[in-house]
Amino acid sequence: MISRPGTASAIVIASLSLIALGCQPSATPGQQSAPTRSSREFLADETAAVLDANSAGRLSSDAIKALEAEVAKNPADIGARTKILGYYFANRGSKSTRRESREHVLWLIRNAPGTPILGTPYGEIDYYLYPKLFAAGKKAWRAQMDKHPSNLRVLASFANYMQHADIEQALEALAEAFTLDPDNPLWPTRIGGLHRLAIIGGSPEAQVKSAELALEHFEIAYRQTKGIRQVSLLNDLASMALAANQLDKAKRYAEEMLRRRTVAGRLDDSNLHHGNVALGLIALRNDAVDDAKQHLLEAGRTPESPALRSFGPNMMLAKELLQRGEKEVVLRYLEQCSTFWVSGKDQLNQWSELIRAGKTPDFGSNLRY
């Protein structure tokens, strides 16, 4: 369920997800070292950087000018550069603003590669829109990897930088990090995430192979972790098992999602939603249409959760039922989803109107959430 959110609020969620997928800190920017801090401490570093950048989107233009002036006096002010990146990302309407943001990314890669923000979407340069700047950043990262071949932060941030342009290079960097730090579940989780990303646009055979590799690494991470982190992997495990045509495994993980909704006192209702979607898709593979319809309605009855409130429902099962002519149950599902996706009511209504007119809507990224 891959997406590149288009709003500043959504990017925080996406960034926190990326954080969980696998970077590891070095003690100081650019330092070559073995991992010495826990995953939790590392996540705290990344989370703080992302939230700091995101909050800067509300600053005034005068405040940003003051920060730019401060950076001109003190180029090593990483906090100021992080805020500037956040402001430019949230206010990226003009080409000049976007370029200024990318120049800050280049400076950080060249001079402070251990900076936490570089492992998040704020540290990327779009290879399609800015090929020359992207190439400069790639060259700078390669130089840093030559200097610090065992630095997990450098390896992880390079993988983050390359994941949309050259997934194989990103995977090589993460594989090296996993070799250096084999007991850390962050690495197989992120490797699995990149194999999942590779499914998009591939041939049917390539999609199955990527799903198999993603499943293999998510299962490694699952065995290496526990508690809420383990529960958070279940949706990836179920969806990749389904994509790899391993229906028994997909069913087992989906059913576990329904059982393990509460860990350490924290209720995760998104698992109730996605678990039922997965079980419905499995039912359709076995031509059990009535069972699939029941799972769709169970998915629609999910209480509100932060992820569903932000991104809305998964529409894969609904789309497949539409293709089988099951219009009425999909309309009921969309009505149910309006209870937790309040901000998406207009979108839900548009989809409903198209379905009533006998058309199948373009559900876009809601096929992947």
Protein backbone atom coordinates (compact mmCIF):
# COMPACT_ATOMS: atom_id res chain seq x y z
CA MET A 1 0.00 0.00 0.00
CA ILE A 2 2.40 2.58 -1.22
CA SER A 3 1.67 6.25 -1.63
CA ARG A 4 3.46 9.54 -1.72
CA PRO A 5 1.24 11.93 0.24
CA GLY A 6 0.69 15.38 -1.12
CA THR A 7 0.03 17.39 2.03
CA ALA A 8 2.26 18.52 4.85
CA SER A 9 0.15 16.66 7.44
CA ALA A 10 0.23 13.46 5.41
CA ILE A 11 3.98 13.64 4.95
CA VAL A 12 4.48 13.44 8.71
CA ILE A 13 2.64 10.11 8.76
CA ALA A 14 4.56 8.87 5.74
CA SER A 15 7.83 9.99 7.27
CA LEU A 16 7.15 8.24 10.55
CA SER A 17 6.42 5.10 8.54
CA LEU A 18 9.75 5.44 6.74
CA ILE A 19 11.47 5.90 10.07
CA ALA A 20 10.07 2.60 11.26
CA LEU A 21 11.33 0.98 8.08
CA GLY A 22 14.91 1.21 8.93
CA CYS A 23 17.56 3.77 9.56
CA GLN A 24 20.07 3.62 12.37
CA PRO A 25 21.85 6.58 13.93
CA SER A 26 25.47 7.47 14.12
CA ALA A 27 26.67 9.40 17.13
CA THR A 28 27.51 12.49 15.08
CA PRO A 29 26.85 13.49 11.47
CA GLY A 30 29.26 11.69 9.18
CA GLN A 31 30.87 9.58 11.88
CA GLN A 32 31.75 6.01 10.91
CA SER A 33 30.64 3.66 13.64
CA ALA A 34 28.93 0.43 14.48
CA PRO A 35 25.36 0.73 15.84
CA THR A 36 25.45 1.75 19.49
CA ARG A 37 21.94 3.07 20.08
CA SER A 38 18.66 1.22 20.29
CA SER A 39 16.02 1.32 17.59
CA ARG A 40 13.79 3.28 19.95
CA GLU A 41 16.43 5.98 20.41
CA PHE A 42 16.94 6.10 16.68
CA LEU A 43 13.23 6.45 16.03
CA ALA A 44 13.11 9.30 18.51
CA ASP A 45 15.84 11.13 16.55
CA GLU A 46 14.03 10.74 13.25
CA THR A 47 10.63 11.57 14.69
CA ALA A 48 11.94 14.74 16.27
CA ALA A 49 13.50 15.84 12.98
CA VAL A 50 10.33 15.17 10.98
CA LEU A 51 8.07 16.97 13.44
CA ASP A 52 10.51 19.88 13.60
CA ALA A 53 10.48 20.19 9.81
CA ASN A 54 6.72 19.81 9.59
CA SER A 55 6.04 22.50 12.19
CA ALA A 56 8.14 24.99 10.20
CA GLY A 57 5.58 24.95 7.40
CA ARG A 58 3.54 27.46 9.40
CA LEU A 59 6.37 29.97 9.79
CA SER A 60 6.19 33.37 8.10
CA SER A 61 8.35 34.28 5.14
CA ASP A 62 10.18 36.77 7.36
CA ALA A 63 10.98 34.00 9.84
CA ILE A 64 12.42 31.86 7.06
CA LYS A 65 14.52 34.77 5.80
CA ALA A 66 15.89 35.09 9.32
CA LEU A 67 16.72 31.38 9.37
CA GLU A 68 18.41 31.65 5.97
CA ALA A 69 20.48 34.54 7.31
CA GLU A 70 21.42 32.46 10.36
CA VAL A 71 22.53 29.58 8.13
CA ALA A 72 24.60 31.97 6.03
CA LYS A 73 26.46 32.96 9.22
CA ASN A 74 26.60 29.44 10.64
CA PRO A 75 26.35 26.82 7.87
CA ALA A 76 26.53 23.97 10.41
CA ASP A 77 23.22 24.96 12.05
CA ILE A 78 21.43 21.67 11.31
CA GLY A 79 18.32 22.65 13.24
CA ALA A 80 17.84 25.76 11.11
CA ARG A 81 18.35 23.81 7.89
CA THR A 82 15.81 21.21 9.03
CA LYS A 83 13.22 23.94 9.62
CA ILE A 84 14.00 25.53 6.26
CA LEU A 85 13.44 22.20 4.51
CA GLY A 86 10.11 21.85 6.26
CA TYR A 87 9.00 25.34 5.24
CA TYR A 88 10.01 24.91 1.61
CA PHE A 89 8.30 21.54 1.43
CA ALA A 90 5.02 22.92 2.77
CA ASN A 91 5.24 26.00 0.52
CA ARG A 92 6.65 24.39 -2.61
CA GLY A 93 4.56 26.29 -5.14
CA SER A 94 7.38 28.03 -7.00
CA LYS A 95 10.26 26.45 -8.88
CA SER A 96 12.78 28.70 -7.13
CA THR A 97 11.51 27.62 -3.70
CA ARG A 98 11.81 23.96 -4.62
CA ARG A 99 15.36 24.47 -5.90
CA GLU A 100 16.42 26.31 -2.74
CA SER A 101 15.15 23.37 -0.72
CA ARG A 102 17.17 20.90 -2.79
CA GLU A 103 20.32 23.00 -2.32
CA HIS A 104 19.96 22.55 1.44
CA VAL A 105 19.64 18.79 0.93
CA LEU A 106 22.87 18.80 -1.10
CA TRP A 107 24.70 20.73 1.60
CA LEU A 108 23.61 18.25 4.25
CA ILE A 109 24.65 15.24 2.17
CA ARG A 110 28.08 16.74 1.51
CA ASN A 111 28.73 18.06 5.01
CA ALA A 112 26.49 16.28 7.53
CA PRO A 113 25.39 12.90 6.11
CA GLY A 114 24.37 11.63 9.54
CA THR A 115 21.62 14.24 9.85
CA PRO A 116 18.35 12.44 10.72
CA ILE A 117 16.20 14.43 8.28
CA LEU A 118 18.09 12.93 5.31
CA GLY A 119 16.49 9.55 6.00
CA THR A 120 12.98 10.94 5.40
CA PRO A 121 11.09 12.35 2.38
CA TYR A 122 12.43 15.81 3.27
CA GLY A 123 15.90 14.54 2.33
CA GLU A 124 14.99 13.45 -1.19
CA ILE A 125 15.56 15.15 -4.55
CA ASP A 126 13.14 14.21 -7.31
CA TYR A 127 15.22 12.53 -10.02
CA TYR A 128 12.62 13.24 -12.70
CA LEU A 129 12.08 16.95 -12.01
CA TYR A 130 15.67 17.82 -11.08
CA PRO A 131 18.00 15.34 -12.83
CA LYS A 132 21.15 17.44 -12.45
CA LEU A 133 20.58 18.15 -8.76
CA PHE A 134 19.68 14.51 -8.19
CA ALA A 135 22.89 13.36 -9.90
CA ALA A 136 24.91 15.75 -7.74
CA GLY A 137 23.27 14.33 -4.63
CA LYS A 138 23.90 10.76 -5.74
CA LYS A 139 27.57 11.54 -6.36
CA ALA A 140 27.82 13.13 -2.92
CA TRP A 141 26.22 10.11 -1.28
CA ARG A 142 28.60 7.77 -3.07
CA ALA A 143 31.52 9.78 -1.74
CA GLN A 144 30.14 9.54 1.78
CA MET A 145 29.67 5.79 1.46
CA ASP A 146 33.30 5.45 0.37
CA LYS A 147 34.37 7.40 3.47
CA HIS A 148 31.99 5.68 5.88
CA PRO A 149 31.23 2.18 4.51
CA SER A 150 30.03 0.88 7.88
CA ASN A 151 27.90 3.84 8.90
CA LEU A 152 24.31 2.61 9.10
CA ARG A 153 22.85 6.11 8.93
CA VAL A 154 24.67 6.80 5.65
CA LEU A 155 23.59 3.48 4.16
CA ALA A 156 19.97 3.99 5.17
CA SER A 157 19.76 7.58 3.98
CA PHE A 158 21.36 6.68 0.65
CA ALA A 159 18.73 3.95 0.25
CA ASN A 160 16.01 6.48 1.03
CA TYR A 161 17.47 8.85 -1.56
CA MET A 162 17.69 6.19 -4.29
CA GLN A 163 14.51 4.19 -3.71
CA HIS A 164 12.45 5.84 -6.47
CA ALA A 165 15.26 6.24 -8.99
CA ASP A 166 17.19 2.98 -8.71
CA ILE A 167 15.66 0.46 -6.35
CA GLU A 168 18.49 -2.04 -6.85
CA GLN A 169 21.07 0.40 -5.49
CA ALA A 170 18.79 1.14 -2.57
CA LEU A 171 18.43 -2.57 -1.86
CA GLU A 172 22.21 -3.09 -2.02
CA ALA A 173 22.73 -0.41 0.62
CA LEU A 174 20.09 -1.89 2.92
CA ALA A 175 21.50 -5.39 2.42
CA GLU A 176 24.89 -4.10 3.58
CA ALA A 177 23.26 -2.50 6.62
CA PHE A 178 21.52 -5.79 7.41
CA THR A 179 24.85 -7.63 7.15
CA LEU A 180 26.43 -5.18 9.59
CA ASP A 181 23.45 -5.22 11.97
CA PRO A 182 21.73 -8.61 11.47
CA ASP A 183 19.64 -8.64 14.64
CA ASN A 184 17.87 -5.34 13.97
CA PRO A 185 14.36 -5.86 12.48
CA LEU A 186 14.42 -2.40 10.95
CA TRP A 187 16.58 -3.60 8.07
CA PRO A 188 14.50 -6.55 6.84
CA THR A 189 11.38 -4.42 7.30
CA ARG A 190 12.72 -1.75 5.02
CA ILE A 191 14.11 -4.25 2.51
CA GLY A 192 10.66 -5.80 2.42
CA GLY A 193 9.16 -2.36 1.86
CA LEU A 194 11.36 -1.77 -1.18
CA HIS A 195 10.47 -5.15 -2.68
CA ARG A 196 6.82 -4.23 -2.10
CA LEU A 197 7.42 -0.95 -3.90
CA ALA A 198 8.93 -2.85 -6.84
CA ILE A 199 5.60 -4.60 -7.42
CA ILE A 200 4.11 -1.42 -8.87
CA GLY A 201 4.39 -1.43 -12.64
CA GLY A 202 6.10 -4.81 -12.93
CA SER A 203 5.08 -7.73 -15.14
CA PRO A 204 2.85 -10.38 -13.50
CA GLU A 205 5.85 -12.68 -13.04
CA ALA A 206 8.01 -9.88 -11.63
CA GLN A 207 5.23 -8.84 -9.27
CA VAL A 208 4.99 -12.32 -7.80
CA LYS A 209 8.79 -12.50 -7.38
CA SER A 210 8.89 -9.10 -5.66
CA ALA A 211 6.02 -10.14 -3.39
CA GLU A 212 7.88 -13.33 -2.45
CA LEU A 213 11.01 -11.36 -1.55
CA ALA A 214 8.99 -8.81 0.40
CA LEU A 215 7.22 -11.56 2.31
CA GLU A 216 10.53 -13.29 3.09
CA HIS A 217 11.99 -10.15 4.65
CA PHE A 218 8.82 -9.13 6.49
CA GLU A 219 8.77 -12.60 8.05
CA ILE A 220 12.37 -12.17 9.19
CA ALA A 221 11.44 -8.86 10.81
CA TYR A 222 8.36 -10.43 12.37
CA ARG A 223 10.46 -13.12 14.02
CA GLN A 224 12.93 -10.53 15.30
CA THR A 225 10.42 -8.27 16.97
CA LYS A 226 7.45 -8.45 19.33
CA GLY A 227 4.50 -6.50 20.69
CA ILE A 228 3.12 -3.53 18.80
CA ARG A 229 5.95 -3.58 16.27
CA GLN A 230 5.11 -7.17 15.42
CA VAL A 231 1.41 -6.37 15.05
CA SER A 232 2.27 -3.48 12.73
CA LEU A 233 3.84 -5.95 10.28
CA LEU A 234 0.74 -8.14 9.90
CA ASN A 235 -0.86 -6.09 7.12
CA ASP A 236 2.34 -6.25 5.07
CA LEU A 237 2.61 -9.98 5.72
CA ALA A 238 -0.98 -10.69 4.68
CA SER A 239 -0.91 -8.47 1.58
CA MET A 240 2.44 -9.79 0.34
CA ALA A 241 1.44 -13.41 0.93
CA LEU A 242 -1.68 -12.73 -1.12
CA ALA A 243 0.34 -11.08 -3.90
CA ALA A 244 2.72 -14.06 -3.85
CA ASN A 245 -0.26 -16.45 -4.24
CA GLN A 246 0.47 -18.03 -0.86
CA LEU A 247 -3.15 -18.06 0.27
CA ASP A 248 -2.72 -20.21 3.38
CA LYS A 249 -0.15 -17.79 4.78
CA ALA A 250 -2.24 -14.80 3.76
CA LYS A 251 -5.24 -16.20 5.61
CA ARG A 252 -3.20 -16.98 8.71
CA TYR A 253 -1.78 -13.46 8.91
CA ALA A 254 -5.13 -11.81 8.15
CA GLU A 255 -6.85 -13.80 10.88
CA GLU A 256 -4.07 -12.86 13.27
CA MET A 257 -4.75 -9.21 12.44
CA LEU A 258 -8.31 -9.65 13.67
CA ARG A 259 -7.14 -11.37 16.87
CA ARG A 260 -4.29 -9.02 17.74
CA ARG A 261 -5.95 -5.64 17.76
CA THR A 262 -4.80 -4.64 21.24
CA VAL A 263 -1.16 -4.65 22.29
CA ALA A 264 0.12 -3.03 25.48
CA GLY A 265 -3.23 -1.29 25.90
CA ARG A 266 -3.20 0.25 22.43
CA LEU A 267 -6.14 -0.52 20.13
CA ASP A 268 -5.34 -0.78 16.42
CA ASP A 269 -8.63 -0.77 14.53
CA SER A 270 -6.89 -0.37 11.18
CA ASN A 271 -5.96 -4.05 11.50
CA LEU A 272 -9.66 -4.90 11.73
CA HIS A 273 -10.21 -3.06 8.44
CA HIS A 274 -7.26 -4.45 6.53
CA GLY A 275 -7.63 -7.95 7.94
CA ASN A 276 -11.17 -8.16 6.61
CA VAL A 277 -10.13 -6.74 3.24
CA ALA A 278 -7.45 -9.44 2.97
CA LEU A 279 -9.85 -12.21 3.98
CA GLY A 280 -12.36 -10.97 1.41
CA LEU A 281 -9.75 -11.02 -1.35
CA ILE A 282 -8.79 -14.56 -0.35
CA ALA A 283 -12.45 -15.56 -0.48
CA LEU A 284 -12.73 -14.18 -4.02
CA ARG A 285 -9.71 -16.25 -5.07
CA ASN A 286 -11.81 -19.25 -4.01
CA ASP A 287 -14.97 -17.85 -5.70
CA ALA A 288 -16.68 -17.48 -2.32
CA VAL A 289 -18.42 -14.23 -3.27
CA ASP A 290 -20.87 -14.18 -0.35
CA ASP A 291 -18.00 -14.53 2.13
CA ALA A 292 -16.13 -11.73 0.37
CA LYS A 293 -19.17 -9.45 0.60
CA GLN A 294 -19.48 -10.13 4.31
CA HIS A 295 -15.81 -9.29 4.88
CA LEU A 296 -16.24 -6.04 2.92
CA LEU A 297 -19.06 -4.97 5.24
CA GLU A 298 -17.02 -5.98 8.29
CA ALA A 299 -14.17 -3.80 6.99
CA GLY A 300 -16.61 -0.92 6.60
CA ARG A 301 -17.79 -1.27 10.20
CA THR A 302 -14.29 -0.53 11.50
CA PRO A 303 -14.22 2.16 14.21
CA GLU A 304 -12.20 5.28 13.48
CA SER A 305 -8.41 5.00 13.54
CA PRO A 306 -5.77 7.66 12.80
CA ALA A 307 -4.65 6.00 9.56
CA LEU A 308 -8.17 5.43 8.24
CA ARG A 309 -9.20 8.94 9.25
CA SER A 310 -6.29 10.40 7.27
CA PHE A 311 -6.11 8.19 4.18
CA GLY A 312 -9.50 6.51 3.98
CA PRO A 313 -10.47 2.90 3.23
CA ASN A 314 -8.71 0.33 1.14
CA MET A 315 -10.75 -0.18 -2.03
CA MET A 316 -9.14 -3.28 -3.53
CA LEU A 317 -11.83 -5.71 -2.39
CA ALA A 318 -14.57 -3.25 -3.35
CA LYS A 319 -13.10 -2.90 -6.84
CA GLU A 320 -12.93 -6.66 -7.37
CA LEU A 321 -16.53 -7.05 -6.21
CA LEU A 322 -17.60 -4.31 -8.61
CA GLN A 323 -15.93 -6.21 -11.42
CA ARG A 324 -18.17 -9.13 -10.47
CA GLY A 325 -21.28 -6.96 -10.62
CA GLU A 326 -21.76 -6.58 -6.85
CA LYS A 327 -22.72 -2.92 -6.94
CA GLU A 328 -25.08 -2.74 -3.96
CA VAL A 329 -22.68 -4.11 -1.38
CA VAL A 330 -19.98 -1.68 -2.52
CA LEU A 331 -22.40 1.24 -2.14
CA ARG A 332 -23.20 0.10 1.40
CA TYR A 333 -19.46 -0.12 2.11
CA LEU A 334 -18.87 3.43 0.92
CA GLU A 335 -21.68 4.65 3.15
CA GLN A 336 -20.13 2.86 6.12
CA CYS A 337 -16.71 4.36 5.40
CA SER A 338 -18.08 7.88 5.75
CA THR A 339 -18.20 7.32 9.52
CA PHE A 340 -14.41 7.14 9.83
CA TRP A 341 -13.29 9.06 6.71
CA VAL A 342 -15.10 12.30 7.43
CA SER A 343 -12.70 14.42 5.39
CA GLY A 344 -13.26 12.11 2.41
CA LYS A 345 -17.05 12.28 2.27
CA ASP A 346 -17.01 14.22 -1.00
CA GLN A 347 -14.75 11.60 -2.55
CA LEU A 348 -16.96 8.79 -1.28
CA ASN A 349 -20.03 10.52 -2.73
CA GLN A 350 -18.31 10.94 -6.11
CA TRP A 351 -17.43 7.26 -6.19
CA SER A 352 -21.00 6.34 -5.27
CA GLU A 353 -22.43 8.48 -8.06
CA LEU A 354 -20.15 6.83 -10.62
CA ILE A 355 -21.07 3.36 -9.40
CA ARG A 356 -24.79 4.13 -9.60
CA ALA A 357 -24.17 5.26 -13.17
CA GLY A 358 -22.70 1.85 -13.96
CA LYS A 359 -19.06 2.97 -13.96
CA THR A 360 -16.03 1.78 -11.99
CA PRO A 361 -14.27 4.74 -10.35
CA ASP A 362 -10.54 5.31 -10.39
CA PHE A 363 -9.83 4.60 -6.71
CA GLY A 364 -6.22 5.76 -7.12
CA SER A 365 -4.01 5.37 -4.09
CA ASN A 366 -6.88 3.91 -2.05
CA LEU A 367 -6.13 0.65 -3.81
CA ARG A 368 -2.76 0.65 -2.00
CA TYR A 369 -3.38 2.13 1.46
